[in-house]
């Protein structure tokens, strides 16, 4: 019976520890310059909260080749609780040029955070020799 109480109380304690954490959001890509026939990975990372909806950005001038994929991390080290959620998309450019993936705004319990816009340079594909 004691173990059951401990198991039921643990999530309550952990959620209480996370309530005081500040919401942080960031966006990243694996490359900022690609060729027309290549794919980039775009990710949004949210730190400080566990259950949050990450909206899909507007990928103007890009098509979604794969995704979204989601991953979560939760850890306790010496009583310090951290958590993060990452959502990623693999994008294929529609044409050559310099493009910006627009910032994404995330709201959670009265806090609003915004990612930075990310510039991507799409170059003409190089011809491969046969």
Protein backbone atom coordinates (compact mmCIF):
# COMPACT_ATOMS: atom_id res chain seq x y z
CA UNK A 1 0.00 0.00 0.00
CA UNK A 2 2.90 2.38 0.75
CA UNK A 3 4.37 1.85 -2.73
CA UNK A 4 1.03 2.68 -4.35
CA UNK A 5 0.85 5.95 -2.41
CA UNK A 6 4.42 6.80 -3.45
CA UNK A 7 3.63 6.10 -7.10
CA UNK A 8 0.51 8.27 -6.95
CA UNK A 9 2.27 11.14 -5.18
CA UNK A 10 5.37 11.22 -7.42
CA UNK A 11 3.64 12.78 -10.49
CA UNK A 12 2.09 15.45 -8.27
CA UNK A 13 5.48 16.35 -6.79
CA UNK A 14 7.15 16.44 -10.20
CA UNK A 15 4.45 18.62 -11.75
CA UNK A 16 4.73 21.01 -8.80
CA UNK A 17 8.49 21.26 -9.33
CA UNK A 18 7.96 22.14 -13.01
CA UNK A 19 5.40 24.90 -12.40
CA UNK A 20 8.04 27.46 -11.44
CA UNK A 21 10.15 26.94 -14.57
CA UNK A 22 10.40 29.64 -17.17
CA UNK A 23 9.19 28.89 -20.67
CA UNK A 24 11.99 29.00 -23.26
CA UNK A 25 11.62 28.42 -27.00
CA UNK A 26 14.16 28.24 -29.80
CA UNK A 27 14.27 27.23 -33.44
CA UNK A 28 17.19 25.73 -35.34
CA UNK A 29 18.15 24.18 -38.67
CA UNK A 30 20.91 21.73 -39.45
CA UNK A 31 22.14 23.93 -42.35
CA UNK A 32 21.48 27.49 -43.49
CA UNK A 33 22.69 26.99 -47.05
CA UNK A 34 21.50 24.11 -49.22
CA UNK A 35 21.14 23.14 -52.85
CA UNK A 36 17.72 22.98 -54.50
CA UNK A 37 17.63 19.16 -54.37
CA UNK A 38 18.62 18.88 -50.69
CA UNK A 39 16.57 18.71 -47.50
CA UNK A 40 17.02 20.62 -44.24
CA UNK A 41 15.87 19.71 -40.73
CA UNK A 42 13.98 22.50 -38.92
CA UNK A 43 13.33 22.06 -35.18
CA UNK A 44 11.50 23.96 -32.45
CA UNK A 45 12.60 23.25 -28.88
CA UNK A 46 10.44 24.20 -25.88
CA UNK A 47 12.00 24.08 -22.43
CA UNK A 48 10.46 24.46 -18.98
CA UNK A 49 7.10 22.77 -19.54
CA UNK A 50 6.10 19.22 -20.38
CA UNK A 51 2.72 19.24 -22.05
CA UNK A 52 2.55 22.01 -24.60
CA UNK A 53 1.29 22.21 -28.15
CA UNK A 54 3.90 23.35 -30.65
CA UNK A 55 2.21 24.95 -33.67
CA UNK A 56 3.39 24.14 -37.17
CA UNK A 57 5.23 27.11 -38.67
CA UNK A 58 4.36 28.57 -42.04
CA UNK A 59 6.92 27.02 -44.36
CA UNK A 60 6.61 29.47 -47.25
CA UNK A 61 8.80 28.40 -50.22
CA UNK A 62 9.35 24.95 -48.66
CA UNK A 63 7.43 21.69 -48.76
CA UNK A 64 7.33 19.30 -45.85
CA UNK A 65 9.24 16.20 -46.91
CA UNK A 66 8.79 14.45 -43.55
CA UNK A 67 7.42 15.22 -40.12
CA UNK A 68 6.52 16.41 -37.70
CA UNK A 69 8.45 14.15 -35.36
CA UNK A 70 8.39 14.75 -31.63
CA UNK A 71 10.78 13.97 -28.82
CA UNK A 72 10.62 14.76 -25.12
CA UNK A 73 13.22 14.84 -22.36
CA UNK A 74 12.60 14.86 -18.63
CA UNK A 75 15.35 14.60 -16.04
CA UNK A 76 15.99 15.10 -12.35
CA UNK A 77 19.56 15.72 -11.23
CA UNK A 78 20.18 16.53 -7.57
CA UNK A 79 16.60 17.70 -7.19
CA UNK A 80 16.75 20.04 -10.22
CA UNK A 81 13.97 19.12 -12.64
CA UNK A 82 14.32 19.95 -16.34
CA UNK A 83 12.13 19.09 -19.28
CA UNK A 84 12.03 19.85 -22.97
CA UNK A 85 10.05 18.99 -26.06
CA UNK A 86 11.42 19.15 -29.60
CA UNK A 87 9.32 19.03 -32.77
CA UNK A 88 11.11 18.65 -36.12
CA UNK A 89 10.22 18.84 -39.80
CA UNK A 90 12.36 17.95 -42.84
CA UNK A 91 11.87 20.54 -45.56
CA UNK A 92 12.50 20.58 -49.29
CA UNK A 93 12.87 23.96 -51.02
CA UNK A 94 10.45 24.79 -53.82
CA UNK A 95 12.90 27.10 -55.65
CA UNK A 96 16.26 28.81 -55.37
CA UNK A 97 16.77 32.07 -53.49
CA UNK A 98 17.09 33.52 -49.99
CA UNK A 99 14.14 32.67 -47.74
CA UNK A 100 13.17 33.16 -44.11
CA UNK A 101 11.24 30.65 -42.05
CA UNK A 102 8.98 32.94 -40.03
CA UNK A 103 9.13 33.12 -36.22
CA UNK A 104 6.73 30.94 -34.25
CA UNK A 105 4.88 32.25 -31.21
CA UNK A 106 4.16 29.89 -28.31
CA UNK A 107 1.83 30.75 -25.43
CA UNK A 108 1.57 28.90 -22.14
CA UNK A 109 -0.17 29.95 -18.92
CA UNK A 110 0.20 33.68 -19.51
CA UNK A 111 3.73 33.44 -20.89
CA UNK A 112 4.39 34.18 -24.57
CA UNK A 113 7.69 33.40 -26.26
CA UNK A 114 8.75 33.62 -29.90
CA UNK A 115 11.45 31.90 -31.90
CA UNK A 116 13.75 33.85 -34.18
CA UNK A 117 13.15 33.76 -37.93
CA UNK A 118 15.75 31.63 -39.72
CA UNK A 119 17.25 32.58 -43.08
CA UNK A 120 17.94 29.81 -45.56
CA UNK A 121 19.90 30.23 -48.78
CA UNK A 122 18.86 27.79 -51.51
CA UNK A 123 21.37 27.39 -54.32
CA UNK A 124 20.96 25.88 -57.77
CA UNK A 125 21.61 22.13 -57.75
CA UNK A 126 25.00 21.12 -59.10
CA UNK A 127 24.98 18.73 -61.99
CA UNK A 128 26.56 15.40 -61.19
CA UNK A 129 28.95 13.81 -63.64
CA UNK A 130 27.94 10.43 -65.05
